[in-house]
Amino acid sequence: MPRIEIVPVTPLGQNCSLLWDETTGRAVVTDPGGDVPSILERIAANKLVVEAILLTHGHFDHAGGAAELRDRLRAMPGAEAVPLIGPDERDGFLLADLQETGMRFGILDGRNVTPDRYLSAGEFLDLAGCRLEVRHVPGHTPGHVVFVDADRRFALVGDTLFQGSVGRTDFPYGDGPMLIEAIRQQLLPLPDAMPILPGHGGSSTIGAEKRGNPFLR
């Protein structure tokens, strides 16, 4: 399994993840919601070369620091082409409103962002020594995606499935039944032993959530 380090960011304690190949030091950053200096410090401490920035969805605590991180990485020698990838284009309206949304929560340094490209379900991303399958899991947001590595057996699931809970759906664009159905179709068929790394809180496994998550009964 590759190395994964969680960097908590924003007052909401969002799990920004650094994923890298220990042999090469090639890395991806997933969901840099803010506190970019802290993310950069961990990149430097681990001597990583970032290949891409990935977004699971368009909420400010997951994407508010993406523009700054992309700009600062691209200013480093040899990293001029670091792309910002994802989520599904149906979250574009959220990415266009990151600054205003963040300010409502007292976050003043968030920036609106346009990805270098959006993602579609069924794509595969070969990054950091991993082969990440893109799965669309809407309901929390319309364009939420997750990243699944079937070979190395882990999934970066953003705000879809948590330890004992699921993502909020009380937004104007949220859809609770859609989220539960998408989790059942896209996540629960994965192996029971597969770890899931959510956007908040601790990690879990698919099997543990099948057995004990009250939202999935």
C-alpha atoms as a PDB file:
ATOM      1  CA  MET A   1       0.000   0.000   0.000  1.00  0.00           C
ATOM      2  CA  PRO A   2       1.309   3.517  -0.705  1.00  0.00           C
ATOM      3  CA  ARG A   3       1.918   5.980   2.089  1.00  0.00           C
ATOM      4  CA  ILE A   4      -0.988   8.204   3.066  1.00  0.00           C
ATOM      5  CA  GLU A   5      -0.769  11.106   5.487  1.00  0.00           C
ATOM      6  CA  ILE A   6      -3.758  13.141   6.647  1.00  0.00           C
ATOM      7  CA  VAL A   7      -3.320  16.897   7.065  1.00  0.00           C
ATOM      8  CA  PRO A   8      -6.290  18.403   8.963  1.00  0.00           C
ATOM      9  CA  VAL A   9      -7.303  21.732   7.397  1.00  0.00           C
ATOM     10  CA  THR A  10      -9.855  24.491   7.996  1.00  0.00           C
ATOM     11  CA  PRO A  11     -11.832  25.024  11.223  1.00  0.00           C
ATOM     12  CA  LEU A  12     -13.990  22.066  10.146  1.00  0.00           C
ATOM     13  CA  GLY A  13     -11.041  19.657  10.487  1.00  0.00           C
ATOM     14  CA  GLN A  14     -11.257  18.409   6.917  1.00  0.00           C
ATOM     15  CA  ASN A  15      -8.945  15.511   6.038  1.00  0.00           C
ATOM     16  CA  CYS A  16      -6.670  16.696   3.250  1.00  0.00           C
ATOM     17  CA  SER A  17      -4.703  13.628   2.194  1.00  0.00           C
ATOM     18  CA  LEU A  18      -1.193  13.243   0.831  1.00  0.00           C
ATOM     19  CA  LEU A  19      -0.795   9.997  -1.084  1.00  0.00           C
ATOM     20  CA  TRP A  20       2.597   8.957  -2.376  1.00  0.00           C
ATOM     21  CA  ASP A  21       4.802   6.196  -3.733  1.00  0.00           C
ATOM     22  CA  GLU A  22       7.603   5.607  -1.232  1.00  0.00           C
ATOM     23  CA  THR A  23       9.986   4.465  -3.961  1.00  0.00           C
ATOM     24  CA  THR A  24       9.671   7.502  -6.200  1.00  0.00           C
ATOM     25  CA  GLY A  25       8.272  10.202  -3.921  1.00  0.00           C
ATOM     26  CA  ARG A  26       5.607  10.959  -6.550  1.00  0.00           C
ATOM     27  CA  ALA A  27       2.485  12.234  -4.806  1.00  0.00           C
ATOM     28  CA  VAL A  28      -1.057  13.523  -5.134  1.00  0.00           C
ATOM     29  CA  VAL A  29      -2.881  15.914  -2.820  1.00  0.00           C
ATOM     30  CA  THR A  30      -6.594  15.294  -2.346  1.00  0.00           C
ATOM     31  CA  ASP A  31      -9.016  17.968  -1.124  1.00  0.00           C
ATOM     32  CA  PRO A  32      -6.761  20.879  -0.072  1.00  0.00           C
ATOM     33  CA  GLY A  33      -9.522  22.881   1.588  1.00  0.00           C
ATOM     34  CA  GLY A  34      -7.265  25.492   3.154  1.00  0.00           C
ATOM     35  CA  ASP A  35      -4.241  25.993   5.424  1.00  0.00           C
ATOM     36  CA  VAL A  36      -2.007  25.691   2.371  1.00  0.00           C
ATOM     37  CA  PRO A  37       1.237  26.462   4.284  1.00  0.00           C
ATOM     38  CA  SER A  38       0.607  23.382   6.453  1.00  0.00           C
ATOM     39  CA  ILE A  39       0.092  21.222   3.357  1.00  0.00           C
ATOM     40  CA  LEU A  40       3.258  22.557   1.750  1.00  0.00           C
ATOM     41  CA  GLU A  41       5.214  21.925   4.960  1.00  0.00           C
ATOM     42  CA  ARG A  42       4.217  18.254   4.911  1.00  0.00           C
ATOM     43  CA  ILE A  43       5.035  17.960   1.213  1.00  0.00           C
ATOM     44  CA  ALA A  44       8.515  19.344   1.897  1.00  0.00           C
ATOM     45  CA  ALA A  45       9.038  17.263   5.046  1.00  0.00           C
ATOM     46  CA  ASN A  46       8.335  14.071   3.108  1.00  0.00           C
ATOM     47  CA  LYS A  47      10.392  15.233   0.080  1.00  0.00           C
ATOM     48  CA  LEU A  48       7.456  14.720  -2.271  1.00  0.00           C
ATOM     49  CA  VAL A  49       7.009  15.667  -5.906  1.00  0.00           C
ATOM     50  CA  VAL A  50       3.326  16.435  -6.451  1.00  0.00           C
ATOM     51  CA  GLU A  51       1.929  15.060  -9.706  1.00  0.00           C
ATOM     52  CA  ALA A  52      -1.636  16.329  -9.328  1.00  0.00           C
ATOM     53  CA  ILE A  53      -4.234  17.861  -7.022  1.00  0.00           C
ATOM     54  CA  LEU A  54      -7.518  15.955  -6.829  1.00  0.00           C
ATOM     55  CA  LEU A  55     -10.927  17.176  -5.639  1.00  0.00           C
ATOM     56  CA  THR A  56     -13.746  14.896  -4.519  1.00  0.00           C
ATOM     57  CA  HIS A  57     -16.332  17.693  -4.540  1.00  0.00           C
ATOM     58  CA  GLY A  58     -16.835  21.430  -4.528  1.00  0.00           C
ATOM     59  CA  HIS A  59     -17.363  22.395  -0.877  1.00  0.00           C
ATOM     60  CA  PHE A  60     -15.110  25.139   0.470  1.00  0.00           C
ATOM     61  CA  ASP A  61     -13.528  22.982   3.186  1.00  0.00           C
ATOM     62  CA  HIS A  62     -12.359  20.551   0.484  1.00  0.00           C
ATOM     63  CA  ALA A  63     -11.507  22.925  -2.347  1.00  0.00           C
ATOM     64  CA  GLY A  64     -11.003  26.418  -0.881  1.00  0.00           C
ATOM     65  CA  GLY A  65      -7.196  26.142  -0.921  1.00  0.00           C
ATOM     66  CA  ALA A  66      -6.896  24.384  -4.282  1.00  0.00           C
ATOM     67  CA  ALA A  67      -6.180  27.491  -6.363  1.00  0.00           C
ATOM     68  CA  GLU A  68      -3.489  28.726  -3.971  1.00  0.00           C
ATOM     69  CA  LEU A  69      -1.857  25.304  -3.705  1.00  0.00           C
ATOM     70  CA  ARG A  70      -1.831  24.889  -7.484  1.00  0.00           C
ATOM     71  CA  ASP A  71      -0.266  28.336  -7.933  1.00  0.00           C
ATOM     72  CA  ARG A  72       2.387  27.779  -5.291  1.00  0.00           C
ATOM     73  CA  LEU A  73       3.319  24.326  -6.572  1.00  0.00           C
ATOM     74  CA  ARG A  74       3.554  25.602 -10.133  1.00  0.00           C
ATOM     75  CA  ALA A  75       5.972  28.290  -8.967  1.00  0.00           C
ATOM     76  CA  MET A  76       8.428  25.612  -7.841  1.00  0.00           C
ATOM     77  CA  PRO A  77      11.140  24.446 -10.250  1.00  0.00           C
ATOM     78  CA  GLY A  78      10.096  21.325 -12.149  1.00  0.00           C
ATOM     79  CA  ALA A  79       6.461  21.507 -11.038  1.00  0.00           C
ATOM     80  CA  GLU A  80       5.086  23.976 -13.567  1.00  0.00           C
ATOM     81  CA  ALA A  81       2.479  21.566 -14.957  1.00  0.00           C
ATOM     82  CA  VAL A  82       0.792  20.299 -11.756  1.00  0.00           C
ATOM     83  CA  PRO A  83      -2.867  19.869 -12.792  1.00  0.00           C
ATOM     84  CA  LEU A  84      -5.977  20.349 -10.666  1.00  0.00           C
ATOM     85  CA  ILE A  85      -8.365  17.499 -11.488  1.00  0.00           C
ATOM     86  CA  GLY A  86     -11.989  16.914 -10.516  1.00  0.00           C
ATOM     87  CA  PRO A  87     -14.648  16.699  -9.331  1.00  0.00           C
ATOM     88  CA  ASP A  88     -17.491  15.940 -11.776  1.00  0.00           C
ATOM     89  CA  GLU A  89     -18.533  19.097 -13.653  1.00  0.00           C
ATOM     90  CA  ARG A  90     -21.899  19.107 -11.864  1.00  0.00           C
ATOM     91  CA  ASP A  91     -20.069  20.696  -8.905  1.00  0.00           C
ATOM     92  CA  GLY A  92     -18.806  23.589 -11.016  1.00  0.00           C
ATOM     93  CA  PHE A  93     -21.317  26.014  -9.467  1.00  0.00           C
ATOM     94  CA  LEU A  94     -19.865  25.271  -6.009  1.00  0.00           C
ATOM     95  CA  LEU A  95     -16.269  25.835  -7.127  1.00  0.00           C
ATOM     96  CA  ALA A  96     -17.341  29.199  -8.562  1.00  0.00           C
ATOM     97  CA  ASP A  97     -18.638  30.287  -5.128  1.00  0.00           C
ATOM     98  CA  LEU A  98     -15.872  29.059  -2.796  1.00  0.00           C
ATOM     99  CA  GLN A  99     -14.712  32.488  -1.638  1.00  0.00           C
ATOM    100  CA  GLU A 100     -18.146  33.731  -0.610  1.00  0.00           C
ATOM    101  CA  THR A 101     -19.122  30.436   1.017  1.00  0.00           C
ATOM    102  CA  GLY A 102     -15.891  30.256   2.997  1.00  0.00           C
ATOM    103  CA  MET A 103     -16.313  33.800   4.284  1.00  0.00           C
ATOM    104  CA  ARG A 104     -19.583  32.794   5.911  1.00  0.00           C
ATOM    105  CA  PHE A 105     -17.520  30.438   8.075  1.00  0.00           C
ATOM    106  CA  GLY A 106     -14.801  32.994   8.812  1.00  0.00           C
ATOM    107  CA  ILE A 107     -12.370  31.668   6.199  1.00  0.00           C
ATOM    108  CA  LEU A 108     -10.973  34.689   4.390  1.00  0.00           C
ATOM    109  CA  ASP A 109      -8.332  33.135   2.142  1.00  0.00           C
ATOM    110  CA  GLY A 110     -10.474  30.744   0.103  1.00  0.00           C
ATOM    111  CA  ARG A 111     -10.498  31.288  -3.644  1.00  0.00           C
ATOM    112  CA  ASN A 112     -12.876  30.319  -6.416  1.00  0.00           C
ATOM    113  CA  VAL A 113     -11.304  27.829  -8.777  1.00  0.00           C
ATOM    114  CA  THR A 114     -11.775  26.206 -12.156  1.00  0.00           C
ATOM    115  CA  PRO A 115     -10.159  22.761 -12.473  1.00  0.00           C
ATOM    116  CA  ASP A 116      -7.832  22.008 -15.331  1.00  0.00           C
ATOM    117  CA  ARG A 117     -10.305  19.275 -16.108  1.00  0.00           C
ATOM    118  CA  TYR A 118     -13.373  17.659 -14.603  1.00  0.00           C
ATOM    119  CA  LEU A 119     -13.790  13.923 -14.080  1.00  0.00           C
ATOM    120  CA  SER A 120     -16.320  11.356 -15.248  1.00  0.00           C
ATOM    121  CA  ALA A 121     -17.341   8.063 -13.685  1.00  0.00           C
ATOM    122  CA  GLY A 122     -15.312   5.137 -14.961  1.00  0.00           C
ATOM    123  CA  GLU A 123     -12.095   7.022 -15.577  1.00  0.00           C
ATOM    124  CA  PHE A 124      -8.796   5.732 -14.213  1.00  0.00           C
ATOM    125  CA  LEU A 125      -5.998   7.983 -12.976  1.00  0.00           C
ATOM    126  CA  ASP A 126      -2.465   6.577 -12.870  1.00  0.00           C
ATOM    127  CA  LEU A 127      -0.830   8.748 -10.228  1.00  0.00           C
ATOM    128  CA  ALA A 128       1.634   8.281  -7.353  1.00  0.00           C
ATOM    129  CA  GLY A 129       2.102   4.628  -8.227  1.00  0.00           C
ATOM    130  CA  CYS A 130      -1.632   3.971  -7.903  1.00  0.00           C
ATOM    131  CA  ARG A 131      -4.452   3.278 -10.327  1.00  0.00           C
ATOM    132  CA  LEU A 132      -7.397   5.266  -9.036  1.00  0.00           C
ATOM    133  CA  GLU A 133     -10.849   4.509 -10.374  1.00  0.00           C
ATOM    134  CA  VAL A 134     -13.263   7.446 -10.417  1.00  0.00           C
ATOM    135  CA  ARG A 135     -16.755   6.654  -9.136  1.00  0.00           C
ATOM    136  CA  HIS A 136     -19.633   9.146  -9.070  1.00  0.00           C
ATOM    137  CA  VAL A 137     -21.415   9.168  -5.684  1.00  0.00           C
ATOM    138  CA  PRO A 138     -23.908  12.063  -5.742  1.00  0.00           C
ATOM    139  CA  GLY A 139     -26.292  13.204  -3.031  1.00  0.00           C
ATOM    140  CA  HIS A 140     -24.035  15.247  -0.751  1.00  0.00           C
ATOM    141  CA  THR A 141     -23.259  17.322  -3.836  1.00  0.00           C
ATOM    142  CA  PRO A 142     -24.341  16.647  -7.427  1.00  0.00           C
ATOM    143  CA  GLY A 143     -20.826  16.052  -8.731  1.00  0.00           C
ATOM    144  CA  HIS A 144     -19.174  14.229  -5.838  1.00  0.00           C
ATOM    145  CA  VAL A 145     -16.632  11.593  -6.892  1.00  0.00           C
ATOM    146  CA  VAL A 146     -14.590   9.055  -4.942  1.00  0.00           C
ATOM    147  CA  PHE A 147     -11.248   7.457  -5.773  1.00  0.00           C
ATOM    148  CA  VAL A 148     -10.871   3.685  -5.449  1.00  0.00           C
ATOM    149  CA  ASP A 149      -7.654   1.700  -5.813  1.00  0.00           C
ATOM    150  CA  ALA A 150      -8.804  -1.903  -6.172  1.00  0.00           C
ATOM    151  CA  ASP A 151      -5.277  -3.335  -6.300  1.00  0.00           C
ATOM    152  CA  ARG A 152      -3.962  -1.633  -3.177  1.00  0.00           C
ATOM    153  CA  ARG A 153      -7.356  -1.767  -1.509  1.00  0.00           C
ATOM    154  CA  PHE A 154      -8.231   1.679  -0.281  1.00  0.00           C
ATOM    155  CA  ALA A 155     -10.798   4.332  -1.167  1.00  0.00           C
ATOM    156  CA  LEU A 156     -10.750   8.103  -0.724  1.00  0.00           C
ATOM    157  CA  VAL A 157     -14.462   8.755  -0.218  1.00  0.00           C
ATOM    158  CA  GLY A 158     -14.738  12.458   0.633  1.00  0.00           C
ATOM    159  CA  ASP A 159     -18.034  13.329   2.302  1.00  0.00           C
ATOM    160  CA  THR A 160     -20.067  10.335   1.135  1.00  0.00           C
ATOM    161  CA  LEU A 161     -19.509   7.640   3.785  1.00  0.00           C
ATOM    162  CA  PHE A 162     -18.140   8.216   7.278  1.00  0.00           C
ATOM    163  CA  GLN A 163     -17.438   6.077  10.294  1.00  0.00           C
ATOM    164  CA  GLY A 164     -21.001   5.484  11.486  1.00  0.00           C
ATOM    165  CA  SER A 165     -22.555   8.169   9.330  1.00  0.00           C
ATOM    166  CA  VAL A 166     -23.006   9.565   5.818  1.00  0.00           C
ATOM    167  CA  GLY A 167     -22.644  12.975   4.225  1.00  0.00           C
ATOM    168  CA  ARG A 168     -25.063  15.809   4.892  1.00  0.00           C
ATOM    169  CA  THR A 169     -27.864  16.246   2.384  1.00  0.00           C
ATOM    170  CA  ASP A 170     -29.722  19.233   3.890  1.00  0.00           C
ATOM    171  CA  PHE A 171     -28.485  21.593   1.182  1.00  0.00           C
ATOM    172  CA  PRO A 172     -30.797  22.909  -1.558  1.00  0.00           C
ATOM    173  CA  TYR A 173     -28.958  20.625  -3.986  1.00  0.00           C
ATOM    174  CA  GLY A 174     -28.651  17.664  -1.587  1.00  0.00           C
ATOM    175  CA  ASP A 175     -30.550  14.409  -2.009  1.00  0.00           C
ATOM    176  CA  GLY A 176     -30.595  11.897   0.838  1.00  0.00           C
ATOM    177  CA  PRO A 177     -32.135   8.924  -0.963  1.00  0.00           C
ATOM    178  CA  MET A 178     -29.801   9.487  -3.909  1.00  0.00           C
ATOM    179  CA  LEU A 179     -26.765   9.445  -1.606  1.00  0.00           C
ATOM    180  CA  ILE A 180     -27.787   6.213   0.119  1.00  0.00           C
ATOM    181  CA  GLU A 181     -28.487   4.528  -3.204  1.00  0.00           C
ATOM    182  CA  ALA A 182     -25.164   5.706  -4.647  1.00  0.00           C
ATOM    183  CA  ILE A 183     -23.300   4.409  -1.572  1.00  0.00           C
ATOM    184  CA  ARG A 184     -25.057   1.051  -1.953  1.00  0.00           C
ATOM    185  CA  GLN A 185     -24.217   0.833  -5.639  1.00  0.00           C
ATOM    186  CA  GLN A 186     -20.710   2.297  -5.737  1.00  0.00           C
ATOM    187  CA  LEU A 187     -19.129   1.630  -2.323  1.00  0.00           C
ATOM    188  CA  LEU A 188     -20.768  -1.290  -0.532  1.00  0.00           C
ATOM    189  CA  PRO A 189     -19.889  -3.827  -3.272  1.00  0.00           C
ATOM    190  CA  LEU A 190     -16.206  -3.175  -2.539  1.00  0.00           C
ATOM    191  CA  PRO A 191     -14.402  -5.797  -0.391  1.00  0.00           C
ATOM    192  CA  ASP A 192     -15.370  -5.750   3.279  1.00  0.00           C
ATOM    193  CA  ALA A 193     -11.732  -5.361   4.319  1.00  0.00           C
ATOM    194  CA  MET A 194     -11.158  -2.292   2.136  1.00  0.00           C
ATOM    195  CA  PRO A 195     -10.260   0.796   4.204  1.00  0.00           C
ATOM    196  CA  ILE A 196     -12.176   3.980   3.505  1.00  0.00           C
ATOM    197  CA  LEU A 197     -10.604   7.376   4.159  1.00  0.00           C
ATOM    198  CA  PRO A 198     -13.365   9.966   4.568  1.00  0.00           C
ATOM    199  CA  GLY A 199     -13.227  13.743   4.443  1.00  0.00           C
ATOM    200  CA  HIS A 200     -13.809  14.106   8.195  1.00  0.00           C
ATOM    201  CA  GLY A 201     -13.169  11.918  11.211  1.00  0.00           C
ATOM    202  CA  GLY A 202     -11.439   8.576  11.419  1.00  0.00           C
ATOM    203  CA  SER A 203     -11.009   5.853   8.852  1.00  0.00           C
ATOM    204  CA  SER A 204     -13.164   2.745   8.648  1.00  0.00           C
ATOM    205  CA  THR A 205     -13.738  -0.239   6.383  1.00  0.00           C
ATOM    206  CA  ILE A 206     -16.527  -1.159   4.021  1.00  0.00           C
ATOM    207  CA  GLY A 207     -17.404  -4.172   6.167  1.00  0.00           C
ATOM    208  CA  ALA A 208     -17.596  -2.150   9.383  1.00  0.00           C
ATOM    209  CA  GLU A 209     -20.007   0.287   7.777  1.00  0.00           C
ATOM    210  CA  LYS A 210     -22.144  -2.504   6.323  1.00  0.00           C
ATOM    211  CA  ARG A 211     -22.479  -3.986   9.806  1.00  0.00           C
ATOM    212  CA  GLY A 212     -22.766  -0.921  11.977  1.00  0.00           C
ATOM    213  CA  ASN A 213     -23.709   2.206  10.065  1.00  0.00           C
ATOM    214  CA  PRO A 214     -27.306   3.071  11.058  1.00  0.00           C
ATOM    215  CA  PHE A 215     -27.893   5.035   7.839  1.00  0.00           C
ATOM    216  CA  LEU A 216     -27.347   1.903   5.744  1.00  0.00           C
ATOM    217  CA  ARG A 217     -29.774  -0.411   7.515  1.00  0.00           C
END
